[in-house]
N, C-alpha and C. Protein backbone atom coordinates (compact mmCIF):
# COMPACT_ATOMS: atom_id res chain seq x y z
N MET A 1 -46.85 66.35 -66.00
CA MET A 1 -46.05 65.48 -67.06
C MET A 1 -46.70 64.87 -68.26
N GLU A 2 -45.80 64.94 -69.14
CA GLU A 2 -46.06 64.41 -70.45
C GLU A 2 -45.37 63.16 -70.95
N ALA A 3 -45.58 62.18 -71.88
CA ALA A 3 -45.51 60.97 -72.34
C ALA A 3 -43.97 61.72 -72.71
N ARG A 4 -43.02 60.34 -72.11
CA ARG A 4 -41.62 60.51 -73.28
C ARG A 4 -41.03 58.96 -73.82
N PHE A 5 -40.89 59.03 -74.92
CA PHE A 5 -40.19 58.24 -75.57
C PHE A 5 -38.58 57.93 -75.53
N ALA A 6 -38.65 56.59 -74.77
CA ALA A 6 -37.05 56.94 -74.98
C ALA A 6 -36.49 54.98 -74.98
N ASP A 7 -35.55 55.09 -75.27
CA ASP A 7 -34.56 53.49 -75.53
C ASP A 7 -34.28 53.70 -73.98
N ALA A 8 -34.24 54.43 -72.84
CA ALA A 8 -33.39 54.45 -71.67
C ALA A 8 -34.34 54.10 -70.58
N PRO A 9 -34.24 52.83 -70.55
CA PRO A 9 -35.17 52.92 -68.84
C PRO A 9 -35.46 54.23 -68.48
N LEU A 10 -36.36 54.30 -67.54
CA LEU A 10 -37.05 55.79 -66.21
C LEU A 10 -35.90 55.17 -64.94
N THR A 11 -35.88 56.69 -65.39
CA THR A 11 -34.97 56.86 -63.43
C THR A 11 -35.27 56.75 -62.49
N MET A 12 -35.23 56.69 -61.22
CA MET A 12 -36.29 55.99 -60.26
C MET A 12 -37.06 57.76 -60.20
N PRO A 13 -36.62 58.63 -60.04
CA PRO A 13 -37.86 60.25 -59.58
C PRO A 13 -38.65 60.02 -61.00
N GLU A 14 -38.26 59.81 -62.15
CA GLU A 14 -38.60 59.50 -63.20
C GLU A 14 -40.39 58.70 -62.94
N ARG A 15 -39.91 57.08 -62.33
CA ARG A 15 -40.64 56.24 -62.15
C ARG A 15 -41.74 56.63 -61.33
N LEU A 16 -41.67 57.06 -60.05
CA LEU A 16 -41.66 57.68 -59.08
C LEU A 16 -43.60 58.40 -59.93
N ASP A 17 -42.79 59.39 -60.13
CA ASP A 17 -44.01 60.87 -60.49
C ASP A 17 -44.40 59.60 -61.32
N ALA A 18 -43.89 59.48 -62.35
CA ALA A 18 -45.48 58.18 -63.22
C ALA A 18 -46.58 57.83 -62.22
N THR A 19 -46.04 56.80 -61.29
CA THR A 19 -46.19 56.09 -60.58
C THR A 19 -47.41 56.49 -59.70
N ALA A 20 -47.00 58.18 -59.53
CA ALA A 20 -48.70 59.56 -58.34
C ALA A 20 -49.38 59.54 -59.79
N THR A 21 -48.89 59.73 -61.42
CA THR A 21 -49.87 59.93 -61.97
C THR A 21 -50.85 59.28 -62.12
N LEU A 22 -50.30 57.65 -62.13
CA LEU A 22 -51.23 56.44 -62.63
C LEU A 22 -52.53 56.25 -61.61
N LEU A 23 -51.37 56.80 -60.10
CA LEU A 23 -53.00 57.11 -58.83
C LEU A 23 -53.50 57.78 -58.83
N ASP A 24 -53.19 58.82 -59.52
CA ASP A 24 -54.15 60.06 -59.19
C ASP A 24 -55.54 59.72 -60.42
N HIS A 25 -54.66 58.82 -61.26
CA HIS A 25 -55.96 59.17 -62.51
C HIS A 25 -57.11 57.90 -62.80
N TRP A 26 -56.23 56.24 -62.08
CA TRP A 26 -56.72 54.91 -62.38
C TRP A 26 -57.11 54.12 -60.39
N THR A 27 -58.06 54.03 -60.72
CA THR A 27 -58.32 52.64 -59.88
C THR A 27 -57.42 51.73 -59.54
N LEU A 28 -56.99 51.67 -59.08
CA LEU A 28 -56.34 49.78 -59.74
C LEU A 28 -56.53 48.44 -58.84
N GLY A 29 -56.53 47.60 -59.39
CA GLY A 29 -57.47 46.10 -58.85
C GLY A 29 -56.43 45.66 -58.37
N ALA A 30 -56.41 44.33 -57.77
CA ALA A 30 -55.25 42.72 -56.79
C ALA A 30 -54.24 43.08 -58.18
N ARG A 31 -54.46 42.66 -58.96
CA ARG A 31 -54.29 41.98 -60.32
C ARG A 31 -52.85 43.57 -60.35
N GLU A 32 -53.41 44.53 -60.94
CA GLU A 32 -52.40 45.67 -61.67
C GLU A 32 -51.69 46.72 -60.26
N SER A 33 -52.42 46.29 -59.02
CA SER A 33 -51.40 46.77 -57.59
C SER A 33 -50.07 45.54 -57.61
N ALA A 34 -50.64 44.25 -57.85
CA ALA A 34 -49.62 43.49 -57.85
C ALA A 34 -48.69 43.33 -58.64
N ALA A 35 -49.57 44.04 -60.03
CA ALA A 35 -47.65 44.00 -60.93
C ALA A 35 -47.15 45.23 -60.62
N LEU A 36 -47.42 46.35 -60.47
CA LEU A 36 -47.18 47.99 -59.92
C LEU A 36 -45.53 47.08 -59.10
N VAL A 37 -46.14 46.87 -57.15
CA VAL A 37 -45.70 47.11 -57.28
C VAL A 37 -43.85 45.90 -57.22
N ARG A 38 -44.53 44.61 -58.07
CA ARG A 38 -43.35 44.00 -58.60
C ARG A 38 -42.59 45.06 -60.14
N ARG A 39 -43.26 45.83 -60.06
CA ARG A 39 -42.00 46.67 -61.06
C ARG A 39 -41.47 46.88 -59.88
N MET A 40 -42.01 47.96 -59.61
CA MET A 40 -41.27 48.25 -58.38
C MET A 40 -39.98 48.19 -57.55
N VAL A 41 -40.26 46.91 -57.59
CA VAL A 41 -39.33 45.68 -55.69
C VAL A 41 -38.12 45.61 -57.36
N GLY A 42 -38.79 45.46 -59.17
CA GLY A 42 -37.60 45.25 -59.76
C GLY A 42 -36.13 46.06 -59.32
N ALA A 43 -37.14 47.66 -59.61
CA ALA A 43 -35.99 48.39 -59.93
C ALA A 43 -34.99 48.77 -59.66
N GLU A 44 -33.33 48.72 -59.62
CA GLU A 44 -32.84 49.87 -58.44
C GLU A 44 -33.10 51.53 -58.46
N GLY A 45 -32.56 51.33 -57.11
CA GLY A 45 -32.42 52.79 -56.57
C GLY A 45 -33.92 52.92 -56.06
N LEU A 46 -34.51 51.91 -55.02
CA LEU A 46 -35.98 52.52 -53.92
C LEU A 46 -35.47 51.59 -53.24
């Protein structure tokens, strides 16, 4: 998946793909995990 730059927010499939890529490459700590959950909770369509 390539990085993209746009003024429009990510669609839910794009957000889920980005999350999967993040989790494939990084081990999140408690703060990062909590921030990710907050972002997902605030997203429409989930």
